[in-house]
Amino acid sequence: MKRRVLFTLVASLALTCTMAFGQDRDHDRDDKDHDRDHARAERAERAERWRMQNGWEYNEYDRDRRPMGWNQGAVTDWRNCTDRDGDGRYQCYTYQYQGQPYYYYQDNNGRMYVRRHHHSDRDHDHDNDRH
């Protein structure tokens, strides 16, 4: 009888330790996932810092990042992508995002250059907020 009780206690202790160890591993994994998601969000926030010039806002994206809605783009006149006279060597595209037209082109290295009209009533859009 004592052996059964002792065996049950040892088995229960072993099971409890195993479960606690497993929960710690899950918690560590959740922490790593959270850290990775947080880092991704910070990179995305940095990517959404638009600069103003001549009534337009400009942003650049590396080839591993793209703005929302860009994949719905259609070919447009290349002059929509730049203020300056150029040779039009890159194909210009346009797309709508949140009711606003965006214009972009990609260089030979896959870097994307995007511009949009500046609207001073963009309080609902936090792209220009400086925290």
N, C-alpha and C. Protein backbone atom coordinates (compact mmCIF):
# COMPACT_ATOMS: atom_id res chain seq x y z
N MET A 1 0.82 -1.18 0.00
CA MET A 1 0.00 0.00 0.00
C MET A 1 0.88 1.27 0.00
N LYS A 2 1.93 1.25 0.84
CA LYS A 2 2.82 2.40 0.91
C LYS A 2 3.52 2.62 -0.43
N ARG A 3 3.82 1.50 -1.12
CA ARG A 3 4.50 1.63 -2.41
C ARG A 3 3.59 2.31 -3.43
N ARG A 4 2.32 1.98 -3.43
CA ARG A 4 1.38 2.59 -4.36
C ARG A 4 1.26 4.09 -4.10
N VAL A 5 1.16 4.45 -2.85
CA VAL A 5 1.05 5.86 -2.49
C VAL A 5 2.32 6.60 -2.89
N LEU A 6 3.47 6.01 -2.57
CA LEU A 6 4.75 6.60 -2.92
C LEU A 6 4.89 6.72 -4.44
N PHE A 7 4.53 5.67 -5.17
CA PHE A 7 4.59 5.69 -6.63
C PHE A 7 3.67 6.77 -7.19
N THR A 8 2.47 6.90 -6.65
CA THR A 8 1.50 7.90 -7.11
C THR A 8 2.04 9.31 -6.86
N LEU A 9 2.64 9.52 -5.70
CA LEU A 9 3.20 10.84 -5.38
C LEU A 9 4.36 11.19 -6.32
N VAL A 10 5.25 10.24 -6.55
CA VAL A 10 6.38 10.47 -7.44
C VAL A 10 5.89 10.73 -8.87
N ALA A 11 4.94 9.95 -9.33
CA ALA A 11 4.39 10.12 -10.68
C ALA A 11 3.70 11.48 -10.81
N SER A 12 2.97 11.88 -9.78
CA SER A 12 2.28 13.17 -9.81
C SER A 12 3.29 14.31 -9.84
N LEU A 13 4.34 14.20 -9.05
CA LEU A 13 5.38 15.22 -9.03
C LEU A 13 6.08 15.32 -10.40
N ALA A 14 6.38 14.20 -10.98
CA ALA A 14 7.03 14.18 -12.30
C ALA A 14 6.12 14.80 -13.36
N LEU A 15 4.85 14.49 -13.32
CA LEU A 15 3.89 15.03 -14.28
C LEU A 15 3.76 16.54 -14.10
N THR A 16 3.70 16.99 -12.87
CA THR A 16 3.60 18.43 -12.59
C THR A 16 4.83 19.17 -13.10
N CYS A 17 6.01 18.64 -12.86
CA CYS A 17 7.24 19.27 -13.33
C CYS A 17 7.28 19.32 -14.85
N THR A 18 6.86 18.26 -15.50
CA THR A 18 6.85 18.20 -16.96
C THR A 18 5.89 19.24 -17.52
N MET A 19 4.73 19.37 -16.93
CA MET A 19 3.74 20.35 -17.40
C MET A 19 4.26 21.77 -17.19
N ALA A 20 4.88 22.03 -16.05
CA ALA A 20 5.41 23.37 -15.77
C ALA A 20 6.53 23.71 -16.75
N PHE A 21 7.40 22.76 -17.05
CA PHE A 21 8.47 22.99 -18.01
C PHE A 21 7.91 23.29 -19.39
N GLY A 22 6.88 22.58 -19.78
CA GLY A 22 6.24 22.79 -21.07
C GLY A 22 5.59 24.16 -21.16
N GLN A 23 4.98 24.61 -20.07
CA GLN A 23 4.36 25.93 -20.05
C GLN A 23 5.42 27.03 -20.15
N ASP A 24 6.55 26.82 -19.48
CA ASP A 24 7.64 27.80 -19.57
C ASP A 24 8.14 27.91 -21.00
N ARG A 25 8.27 26.79 -21.68
CA ARG A 25 8.73 26.80 -23.07
C ARG A 25 7.72 27.51 -23.95
N ASP A 26 6.41 27.25 -23.73
CA ASP A 26 5.38 27.94 -24.50
C ASP A 26 5.43 29.44 -24.23
N HIS A 27 5.63 29.81 -22.97
CA HIS A 27 5.72 31.23 -22.61
C HIS A 27 6.92 31.89 -23.29
N ASP A 28 8.05 31.21 -23.30
CA ASP A 28 9.24 31.74 -23.97
C ASP A 28 8.99 31.91 -25.46
N ARG A 29 8.31 30.94 -26.06
CA ARG A 29 7.99 31.01 -27.48
C ARG A 29 7.06 32.19 -27.75
N ASP A 30 6.07 32.39 -26.86
CA ASP A 30 5.17 33.53 -27.01
C ASP A 30 5.92 34.85 -26.90
N ASP A 31 6.88 34.92 -25.98
CA ASP A 31 7.69 36.13 -25.84
C ASP A 31 8.49 36.40 -27.11
N LYS A 32 9.07 35.36 -27.68
CA LYS A 32 9.85 35.54 -28.92
C LYS A 32 8.95 35.99 -30.06
N ASP A 33 7.75 35.39 -30.16
CA ASP A 33 6.81 35.79 -31.19
C ASP A 33 6.42 37.25 -31.02
N HIS A 34 6.15 37.64 -29.77
CA HIS A 34 5.78 39.03 -29.49
C HIS A 34 6.92 39.98 -29.86
N ASP A 35 8.15 39.63 -29.49
CA ASP A 35 9.30 40.47 -29.82
C ASP A 35 9.47 40.61 -31.33
N ARG A 36 9.30 39.51 -32.04
CA ARG A 36 9.43 39.53 -33.50
C ARG A 36 8.34 40.41 -34.11
N ASP A 37 7.10 40.26 -33.63
CA ASP A 37 5.99 41.06 -34.14
C ASP A 37 6.20 42.54 -33.84
N HIS A 38 6.71 42.82 -32.64
CA HIS A 38 6.97 44.21 -32.26
C HIS A 38 8.05 44.82 -33.15
N ALA A 39 9.11 44.09 -33.41
CA ALA A 39 10.18 44.57 -34.28
C ALA A 39 9.64 44.81 -35.69
N ARG A 40 8.80 43.92 -36.18
CA ARG A 40 8.20 44.07 -37.51
C ARG A 40 7.33 45.33 -37.56
N ALA A 41 6.56 45.57 -36.50
CA ALA A 41 5.70 46.76 -36.45
C ALA A 41 6.54 48.03 -36.42
N GLU A 42 7.66 48.01 -35.69
CA GLU A 42 8.54 49.18 -35.66
C GLU A 42 9.13 49.47 -37.03
N ARG A 43 9.53 48.41 -37.74
CA ARG A 43 10.06 48.61 -39.10
C ARG A 43 8.99 49.19 -40.01
N ALA A 44 7.77 48.69 -39.89
CA ALA A 44 6.67 49.18 -40.71
C ALA A 44 6.38 50.64 -40.40
N GLU A 45 6.44 51.01 -39.11
CA GLU A 45 6.20 52.40 -38.73
C GLU A 45 7.27 53.31 -39.31
N ARG A 46 8.51 52.88 -39.24
CA ARG A 46 9.59 53.68 -39.82
C ARG A 46 9.39 53.83 -41.33
N ALA A 47 8.89 52.79 -41.96
CA ALA A 47 8.68 52.83 -43.41
C ALA A 47 7.59 53.81 -43.79
N GLU A 48 6.69 54.11 -42.88
CA GLU A 48 5.57 54.99 -43.17
C GLU A 48 5.84 56.45 -42.83
N ARG A 49 7.08 56.85 -42.78
CA ARG A 49 7.42 58.25 -42.55
C ARG A 49 7.56 58.93 -43.91
N TRP A 50 6.56 59.66 -44.27
CA TRP A 50 6.52 60.34 -45.55
C TRP A 50 7.20 61.70 -45.44
N ARG A 51 7.90 62.11 -46.50
CA ARG A 51 8.51 63.43 -46.52
C ARG A 51 7.75 64.31 -47.51
N MET A 52 7.62 65.56 -47.16
CA MET A 52 6.87 66.53 -47.95
C MET A 52 7.78 67.26 -48.93
N GLN A 53 7.24 67.51 -50.13
CA GLN A 53 7.97 68.31 -51.11
C GLN A 53 6.99 68.78 -52.18
N ASN A 54 6.88 70.09 -52.34
CA ASN A 54 6.07 70.69 -53.41
C ASN A 54 4.64 70.17 -53.46
N GLY A 55 3.99 70.02 -52.32
CA GLY A 55 2.59 69.57 -52.29
C GLY A 55 2.41 68.07 -52.43
N TRP A 56 3.51 67.33 -52.45
CA TRP A 56 3.47 65.88 -52.55
C TRP A 56 4.15 65.27 -51.33
N GLU A 57 3.80 64.05 -51.03
CA GLU A 57 4.48 63.27 -49.99
C GLU A 57 5.17 62.10 -50.67
N TYR A 58 6.39 61.82 -50.23
CA TYR A 58 7.20 60.78 -50.85
C TYR A 58 7.64 59.75 -49.82
N ASN A 59 7.76 58.52 -50.28
CA ASN A 59 8.27 57.46 -49.43
C ASN A 59 9.01 56.45 -50.32
N GLU A 60 9.94 55.74 -49.72
CA GLU A 60 10.70 54.72 -50.43
C GLU A 60 10.56 53.40 -49.68
N TYR A 61 10.53 52.31 -50.42
CA TYR A 61 10.39 50.98 -49.85
C TYR A 61 11.47 50.07 -50.41
N ASP A 62 12.13 49.34 -49.54
CA ASP A 62 13.07 48.31 -49.99
C ASP A 62 12.28 47.19 -50.64
N ARG A 63 12.98 46.32 -51.33
CA ARG A 63 12.29 45.27 -52.08
C ARG A 63 11.54 44.27 -51.18
N ASP A 64 11.89 44.20 -49.88
CA ASP A 64 11.19 43.28 -49.00
C ASP A 64 10.00 43.93 -48.28
N ARG A 65 9.73 45.21 -48.56
CA ARG A 65 8.59 45.91 -47.98
C ARG A 65 7.82 46.59 -49.09
N ARG A 66 6.51 46.62 -48.95
CA ARG A 66 5.67 47.27 -49.94
C ARG A 66 4.53 47.99 -49.23
N PRO A 67 4.04 49.10 -49.81
CA PRO A 67 2.92 49.82 -49.20
C PRO A 67 1.60 49.06 -49.41
N MET A 68 0.64 49.35 -48.56
CA MET A 68 -0.67 48.74 -48.68
C MET A 68 -1.30 49.13 -50.02
N GLY A 69 -1.89 48.17 -50.71
CA GLY A 69 -2.62 48.42 -51.94
C GLY A 69 -1.80 48.45 -53.21
N TRP A 70 -0.50 48.42 -53.11
CA TRP A 70 0.34 48.60 -54.28
C TRP A 70 0.12 47.53 -55.34
N ASN A 71 -0.22 46.32 -54.93
CA ASN A 71 -0.35 45.23 -55.91
C ASN A 71 -1.60 45.37 -56.79
N GLN A 72 -2.41 46.39 -56.54
CA GLN A 72 -3.57 46.65 -57.39
C GLN A 72 -3.26 47.71 -58.44
N GLY A 73 -1.98 48.04 -58.60
CA GLY A 73 -1.57 49.13 -59.47
C GLY A 73 -1.83 48.88 -60.94
N ALA A 74 -2.08 49.99 -61.65
CA ALA A 74 -2.28 49.95 -63.10
C ALA A 74 -1.29 50.94 -63.72
N VAL A 75 -0.87 50.68 -64.93
CA VAL A 75 0.08 51.54 -65.64
C VAL A 75 -0.54 52.92 -65.84
N THR A 76 0.28 53.94 -65.63
CA THR A 76 -0.14 55.32 -65.84
C THR A 76 1.00 56.09 -66.50
N ASP A 77 0.76 57.33 -66.86
CA ASP A 77 1.78 58.16 -67.48
C ASP A 77 2.96 58.32 -66.54
N TRP A 78 4.18 58.19 -67.02
CA TRP A 78 5.37 58.21 -66.17
C TRP A 78 5.55 59.55 -65.46
N ARG A 79 4.97 60.62 -66.00
CA ARG A 79 5.08 61.94 -65.37
C ARG A 79 4.32 62.02 -64.05
N ASN A 80 3.42 61.08 -63.79
CA ASN A 80 2.73 61.03 -62.49
C ASN A 80 3.68 60.64 -61.37
N CYS A 81 4.79 60.04 -61.70
CA CYS A 81 5.72 59.55 -60.68
C CYS A 81 6.81 60.54 -60.31
N THR A 82 6.89 61.67 -61.01
CA THR A 82 7.98 62.60 -60.72
C THR A 82 7.57 64.03 -61.02
N ASP A 83 8.15 64.98 -60.30
CA ASP A 83 7.94 66.41 -60.56
C ASP A 83 8.90 66.92 -61.63
N ARG A 84 10.04 66.29 -61.72
CA ARG A 84 11.07 66.79 -62.62
C ARG A 84 10.95 66.14 -64.00
N ASP A 85 11.48 66.84 -64.98
CA ASP A 85 11.52 66.27 -66.32
C ASP A 85 12.52 65.13 -66.33
N GLY A 86 12.15 64.05 -66.91
CA GLY A 86 13.04 62.89 -66.98
C GLY A 86 12.81 62.15 -68.26
N ASP A 87 13.46 61.04 -68.37
CA ASP A 87 13.36 60.28 -69.60
C ASP A 87 12.29 59.20 -69.54
N GLY A 88 11.65 59.03 -68.42
CA GLY A 88 10.59 58.03 -68.30
C GLY A 88 11.10 56.62 -68.44
N ARG A 89 12.30 56.36 -67.96
CA ARG A 89 12.90 55.03 -68.15
C ARG A 89 12.26 53.96 -67.28
N TYR A 90 11.51 54.36 -66.23
CA TYR A 90 10.82 53.39 -65.39
C TYR A 90 9.32 53.49 -65.65
N GLN A 91 8.66 52.36 -65.64
CA GLN A 91 7.21 52.34 -65.82
C GLN A 91 6.54 52.85 -64.55
N CYS A 92 5.62 53.77 -64.69
CA CYS A 92 4.89 54.35 -63.56
C CYS A 92 3.55 53.64 -63.41
N TYR A 93 3.16 53.41 -62.17
CA TYR A 93 1.89 52.75 -61.84
C TYR A 93 1.11 53.62 -60.88
N THR A 94 -0.20 53.43 -60.86
CA THR A 94 -1.05 54.12 -59.90
C THR A 94 -1.98 53.11 -59.24
N TYR A 95 -2.37 53.40 -58.03
CA TYR A 95 -3.36 52.60 -57.31
C TYR A 95 -4.08 53.49 -56.32
N GLN A 96 -5.22 53.04 -55.88
CA GLN A 96 -6.02 53.77 -54.89
C GLN A 96 -5.88 53.06 -53.55
N TYR A 97 -5.67 53.85 -52.51
CA TYR A 97 -5.66 53.30 -51.15
C TYR A 97 -6.36 54.31 -50.25
N GLN A 98 -7.37 53.83 -49.54
CA GLN A 98 -8.19 54.68 -48.68
C GLN A 98 -8.71 55.89 -49.45
N GLY A 99 -9.12 55.66 -50.70
CA GLY A 99 -9.72 56.71 -51.51
C GLY A 99 -8.75 57.72 -52.10
N GLN A 100 -7.48 57.49 -51.97
CA GLN A 100 -6.48 58.45 -52.45
C GLN A 100 -5.60 57.79 -53.51
N PRO A 101 -5.29 58.50 -54.60
CA PRO A 101 -4.38 57.93 -55.60
C PRO A 101 -2.93 57.98 -55.14
N TYR A 102 -2.22 56.92 -55.40
CA TYR A 102 -0.79 56.81 -55.14
C TYR A 102 -0.12 56.49 -56.46
N TYR A 103 1.12 56.96 -56.63
CA TYR A 103 1.88 56.71 -57.84
C TYR A 103 3.22 56.12 -57.44
N TYR A 104 3.68 55.13 -58.20
CA TYR A 104 4.96 54.52 -57.84
C TYR A 104 5.68 53.96 -59.06
N TYR A 105 6.99 53.80 -58.87
CA TYR A 105 7.81 53.08 -59.84
C TYR A 105 8.87 52.33 -59.07
N GLN A 106 9.45 51.34 -59.73
CA GLN A 106 10.52 50.54 -59.12
C GLN A 106 11.78 50.71 -59.94
N ASP A 107 12.91 50.84 -59.21
CA ASP A 107 14.17 50.93 -59.95
C ASP A 107 14.68 49.52 -60.27
N ASN A 108 15.83 49.43 -60.89
CA ASN A 108 16.37 48.13 -61.30
C ASN A 108 16.75 47.25 -60.12
N ASN A 109 16.91 47.82 -58.93
CA ASN A 109 17.25 47.04 -57.74
C ASN A 109 16.03 46.61 -56.95
N GLY A 110 14.84 46.91 -57.44
CA GLY A 110 13.61 46.51 -56.75
C GLY A 110 13.14 47.50 -55.71
N ARG A 111 13.83 48.62 -55.55
CA ARG A 111 13.42 49.65 -54.60
C ARG A 111 12.21 50.38 -55.19
N MET A 112 11.19 50.61 -54.36
CA MET A 112 9.96 51.24 -54.82
C MET A 112 9.90 52.68 -54.32
N TYR A 113 9.55 53.60 -55.22
CA TYR A 113 9.41 55.01 -54.91
C TYR A 113 7.95 55.39 -55.08
N VAL A 114 7.34 55.86 -54.00
CA VAL A 114 5.90 56.13 -53.99
C VAL A 114 5.68 57.60 -53.67
N ARG A 115 4.66 58.17 -54.31
CA ARG A 115 4.26 59.53 -53.96
C ARG A 115 2.75 59.64 -53.97
N ARG A 116 2.26 60.62 -53.20
CA ARG A 116 0.83 60.89 -53.11
C ARG A 116 0.67 62.38 -52.85
N HIS A 117 -0.51 62.89 -53.19
CA HIS A 117 -0.80 64.30 -52.90
C HIS A 117 -0.86 64.50 -51.40
N HIS A 118 -0.34 65.64 -50.95
CA HIS A 118 -0.43 65.99 -49.53
C HIS A 118 -1.81 66.59 -49.25
N HIS A 119 -2.46 66.10 -48.20
CA HIS A 119 -3.74 66.64 -47.75
C HIS A 119 -3.59 67.06 -46.31
N SER A 120 -3.86 68.31 -46.02
CA SER A 120 -3.70 68.80 -44.65
C SER A 120 -4.79 68.27 -43.72
N ASP A 121 -5.87 67.74 -44.25
CA ASP A 121 -6.94 67.22 -43.40
C ASP A 121 -6.77 65.73 -43.13
N ARG A 122 -5.56 65.25 -43.13
CA ARG A 122 -5.29 63.83 -42.96
C ARG A 122 -5.13 63.47 -41.48
N ASP A 123 -5.88 64.10 -40.59
CA ASP A 123 -5.75 63.83 -39.16
C ASP A 123 -6.07 62.40 -38.82
N HIS A 124 -6.95 61.76 -39.59
CA HIS A 124 -7.29 60.37 -39.33
C HIS A 124 -6.20 59.41 -39.79
N ASP A 125 -5.31 59.90 -40.62
CA ASP A 125 -4.21 59.08 -41.14
C ASP A 125 -2.94 59.43 -40.38
N HIS A 126 -2.36 58.48 -39.67
CA HIS A 126 -1.24 58.75 -38.78
C HIS A 126 0.12 58.65 -39.47
N ASP A 127 0.14 58.69 -40.78
CA ASP A 127 1.41 58.54 -41.48
C ASP A 127 2.39 59.66 -41.15
N ASN A 128 1.87 60.84 -40.87
CA ASN A 128 2.75 61.99 -40.66
C ASN A 128 2.96 62.31 -39.19
N ASP A 129 2.39 61.56 -38.29
CA ASP A 129 2.56 61.81 -36.86
C ASP A 129 3.99 61.60 -36.46
N ARG A 130 4.51 62.46 -35.64
CA ARG A 130 5.84 62.31 -35.07
C ARG A 130 5.68 62.06 -33.58
N HIS A 131 6.00 60.89 -33.13
CA HIS A 131 5.83 60.54 -31.71
C HIS A 131 7.09 60.81 -30.94
